[in-house]
Amino acid sequence: MKLFAGKEAEYRHRHDTIWPELTALLKAAGISDYTIFHDPVSNNLFGTMLVHNQEAVDALPQHPIMQKWWAYMADLMETNADHSPVNIPLIPVFYMA
């Protein structure tokens, strides 16, 4: 994902004060250990999470709370027409357990 320049502090603030109903929705969908990293040089954002219920996670874009959060965040980052964050899937090239 890509953060707009100068929006770093507000992006952090909005996540520091994330809506309880959004956190509950993500947990109910089986998401845990969710972390977002920020590269201050490129303003790229990289998120990782454990997914315990892929079908529930796949349904999140249709949920009104998720859509409301995306609209709330749209002024801070690159988004698609539906306000979902533009993201580029990454291909794993190494893993060590």
C-alpha atoms as a PDB file:
ATOM      1  CA  MET A   1       0.000   0.000   0.000  1.00  0.00           C
ATOM      2  CA  LYS A   2       1.155   3.581  -0.483  1.00  0.00           C
ATOM      3  CA  LEU A   3       0.801   6.442   1.992  1.00  0.00           C
ATOM      4  CA  PHE A   4       0.621  10.023   0.720  1.00  0.00           C
ATOM      5  CA  ALA A   5       3.579  12.220   1.701  1.00  0.00           C
ATOM      6  CA  GLY A   6       2.960  14.268   4.819  1.00  0.00           C
ATOM      7  CA  LYS A   7       0.189  11.954   6.068  1.00  0.00           C
ATOM      8  CA  GLU A   8       2.368   9.724   8.255  1.00  0.00           C
ATOM      9  CA  ALA A   9       1.375  11.233  11.620  1.00  0.00           C
ATOM     10  CA  GLU A  10      -2.337  11.183  10.815  1.00  0.00           C
ATOM     11  CA  TYR A  11      -2.132   7.592   9.563  1.00  0.00           C
ATOM     12  CA  ARG A  12      -0.505   6.554  12.843  1.00  0.00           C
ATOM     13  CA  HIS A  13      -3.048   8.568  14.874  1.00  0.00           C
ATOM     14  CA  ARG A  14      -6.010   6.935  13.143  1.00  0.00           C
ATOM     15  CA  HIS A  15      -4.588   3.491  13.848  1.00  0.00           C
ATOM     16  CA  ASP A  16      -3.761   4.414  17.446  1.00  0.00           C
ATOM     17  CA  THR A  17      -7.445   5.284  17.836  1.00  0.00           C
ATOM     18  CA  ILE A  18      -8.847   2.476  15.658  1.00  0.00           C
ATOM     19  CA  TRP A  19     -12.570   1.969  16.076  1.00  0.00           C
ATOM     20  CA  PRO A  20     -13.452  -0.818  18.533  1.00  0.00           C
ATOM     21  CA  GLU A  21     -16.114  -2.090  16.129  1.00  0.00           C
ATOM     22  CA  LEU A  22     -13.482  -2.479  13.393  1.00  0.00           C
ATOM     23  CA  THR A  23     -11.126  -4.353  15.708  1.00  0.00           C
ATOM     24  CA  ALA A  24     -14.012  -6.626  16.737  1.00  0.00           C
ATOM     25  CA  LEU A  25     -14.916  -7.232  13.082  1.00  0.00           C
ATOM     26  CA  LEU A  26     -11.343  -8.178  12.151  1.00  0.00           C
ATOM     27  CA  LYS A  27     -11.040 -10.540  15.105  1.00  0.00           C
ATOM     28  CA  ALA A  28     -14.441 -12.102  14.333  1.00  0.00           C
ATOM     29  CA  ALA A  29     -13.191 -12.714  10.785  1.00  0.00           C
ATOM     30  CA  GLY A  30     -10.298 -14.732  12.217  1.00  0.00           C
ATOM     31  CA  ILE A  31      -7.521 -12.150  11.864  1.00  0.00           C
ATOM     32  CA  SER A  32      -4.786 -12.058  14.505  1.00  0.00           C
ATOM     33  CA  ASP A  33      -1.226 -10.809  14.812  1.00  0.00           C
ATOM     34  CA  TYR A  34      -1.972  -7.931  12.416  1.00  0.00           C
ATOM     35  CA  THR A  35       0.960  -5.555  11.894  1.00  0.00           C
ATOM     36  CA  ILE A  36       1.426  -2.688   9.438  1.00  0.00           C
ATOM     37  CA  PHE A  37       4.966  -1.495   8.714  1.00  0.00           C
ATOM     38  CA  HIS A  38       5.876   1.887   7.189  1.00  0.00           C
ATOM     39  CA  ASP A  39       8.946   2.609   5.062  1.00  0.00           C
ATOM     40  CA  PRO A  40       9.546   6.354   5.593  1.00  0.00           C
ATOM     41  CA  VAL A  41      11.727   6.630   2.475  1.00  0.00           C
ATOM     42  CA  SER A  42       9.193   5.287  -0.035  1.00  0.00           C
ATOM     43  CA  ASN A  43       6.021   5.767   2.067  1.00  0.00           C
ATOM     44  CA  ASN A  44       5.136   2.169   1.291  1.00  0.00           C
ATOM     45  CA  LEU A  45       3.037   0.303   3.836  1.00  0.00           C
ATOM     46  CA  PHE A  46       3.419  -3.433   4.321  1.00  0.00           C
ATOM     47  CA  GLY A  47       0.864  -5.399   6.306  1.00  0.00           C
ATOM     48  CA  THR A  48       1.074  -8.881   7.745  1.00  0.00           C
ATOM     49  CA  MET A  49      -1.572 -10.875   9.559  1.00  0.00           C
ATOM     50  CA  LEU A  50      -2.461 -14.410  10.483  1.00  0.00           C
ATOM     51  CA  VAL A  51      -5.704 -15.503   8.857  1.00  0.00           C
ATOM     52  CA  HIS A  52      -7.649 -18.282  10.525  1.00  0.00           C
ATOM     53  CA  ASN A  53     -10.794 -18.087   8.354  1.00  0.00           C
ATOM     54  CA  GLN A  54     -10.073 -17.108   4.744  1.00  0.00           C
ATOM     55  CA  GLU A  55     -13.756 -17.103   3.747  1.00  0.00           C
ATOM     56  CA  ALA A  56     -14.599 -14.593   6.498  1.00  0.00           C
ATOM     57  CA  VAL A  57     -11.656 -12.392   5.511  1.00  0.00           C
ATOM     58  CA  ASP A  58     -12.726 -12.555   1.852  1.00  0.00           C
ATOM     59  CA  ALA A  59     -16.182 -11.253   2.895  1.00  0.00           C
ATOM     60  CA  LEU A  60     -14.801  -8.183   4.743  1.00  0.00           C
ATOM     61  CA  PRO A  61     -14.918  -5.816   1.721  1.00  0.00           C
ATOM     62  CA  GLN A  62     -18.721  -6.093   1.692  1.00  0.00           C
ATOM     63  CA  HIS A  63     -19.095  -5.220   5.379  1.00  0.00           C
ATOM     64  CA  PRO A  64     -20.339  -1.653   6.091  1.00  0.00           C
ATOM     65  CA  ILE A  65     -17.760  -1.087   8.854  1.00  0.00           C
ATOM     66  CA  MET A  66     -14.915  -2.030   6.511  1.00  0.00           C
ATOM     67  CA  GLN A  67     -16.301   0.247   3.781  1.00  0.00           C
ATOM     68  CA  LYS A  68     -16.660   3.099   6.288  1.00  0.00           C
ATOM     69  CA  TRP A  69     -13.024   2.638   7.444  1.00  0.00           C
ATOM     70  CA  TRP A  70     -11.749   2.648   3.865  1.00  0.00           C
ATOM     71  CA  ALA A  71     -13.623   5.887   3.146  1.00  0.00           C
ATOM     72  CA  TYR A  72     -12.206   7.373   6.366  1.00  0.00           C
ATOM     73  CA  MET A  73      -8.653   6.457   5.322  1.00  0.00           C
ATOM     74  CA  ALA A  74      -8.965   7.428   1.624  1.00  0.00           C
ATOM     75  CA  ASP A  75      -7.494  10.905   2.113  1.00  0.00           C
ATOM     76  CA  LEU A  76      -4.245   9.414   3.465  1.00  0.00           C
ATOM     77  CA  MET A  77      -3.316   6.767   0.903  1.00  0.00           C
ATOM     78  CA  GLU A  78      -3.725   5.528  -2.638  1.00  0.00           C
ATOM     79  CA  THR A  79      -7.121   3.874  -3.040  1.00  0.00           C
ATOM     80  CA  ASN A  80      -9.259   2.121  -5.611  1.00  0.00           C
ATOM     81  CA  ALA A  81     -12.630   3.504  -6.749  1.00  0.00           C
ATOM     82  CA  ASP A  82     -14.360   1.736  -3.811  1.00  0.00           C
ATOM     83  CA  HIS A  83     -11.886   3.398  -1.379  1.00  0.00           C
ATOM     84  CA  SER A  84     -10.138   0.084  -0.662  1.00  0.00           C
ATOM     85  CA  PRO A  85      -6.369   0.554  -0.401  1.00  0.00           C
ATOM     86  CA  VAL A  86      -4.396  -0.074  -3.563  1.00  0.00           C
ATOM     87  CA  ASN A  87      -2.253  -3.068  -2.755  1.00  0.00           C
ATOM     88  CA  ILE A  88       0.192  -5.204  -4.656  1.00  0.00           C
ATOM     89  CA  PRO A  89       0.329  -8.885  -3.720  1.00  0.00           C
ATOM     90  CA  LEU A  90       3.860 -10.013  -2.956  1.00  0.00           C
ATOM     91  CA  ILE A  91       5.287 -13.369  -3.968  1.00  0.00           C
ATOM     92  CA  PRO A  92       7.079 -15.252  -1.181  1.00  0.00           C
ATOM     93  CA  VAL A  93      10.666 -16.050  -2.103  1.00  0.00           C
ATOM     94  CA  PHE A  94      11.975 -17.360   1.222  1.00  0.00           C
ATOM     95  CA  TYR A  95      10.547 -18.789   4.420  1.00  0.00           C
ATOM     96  CA  MET A  96      12.274 -20.377   7.396  1.00  0.00           C
ATOM     97  CA  ALA A  97      10.305 -22.020  10.176  1.00  0.00           C
END
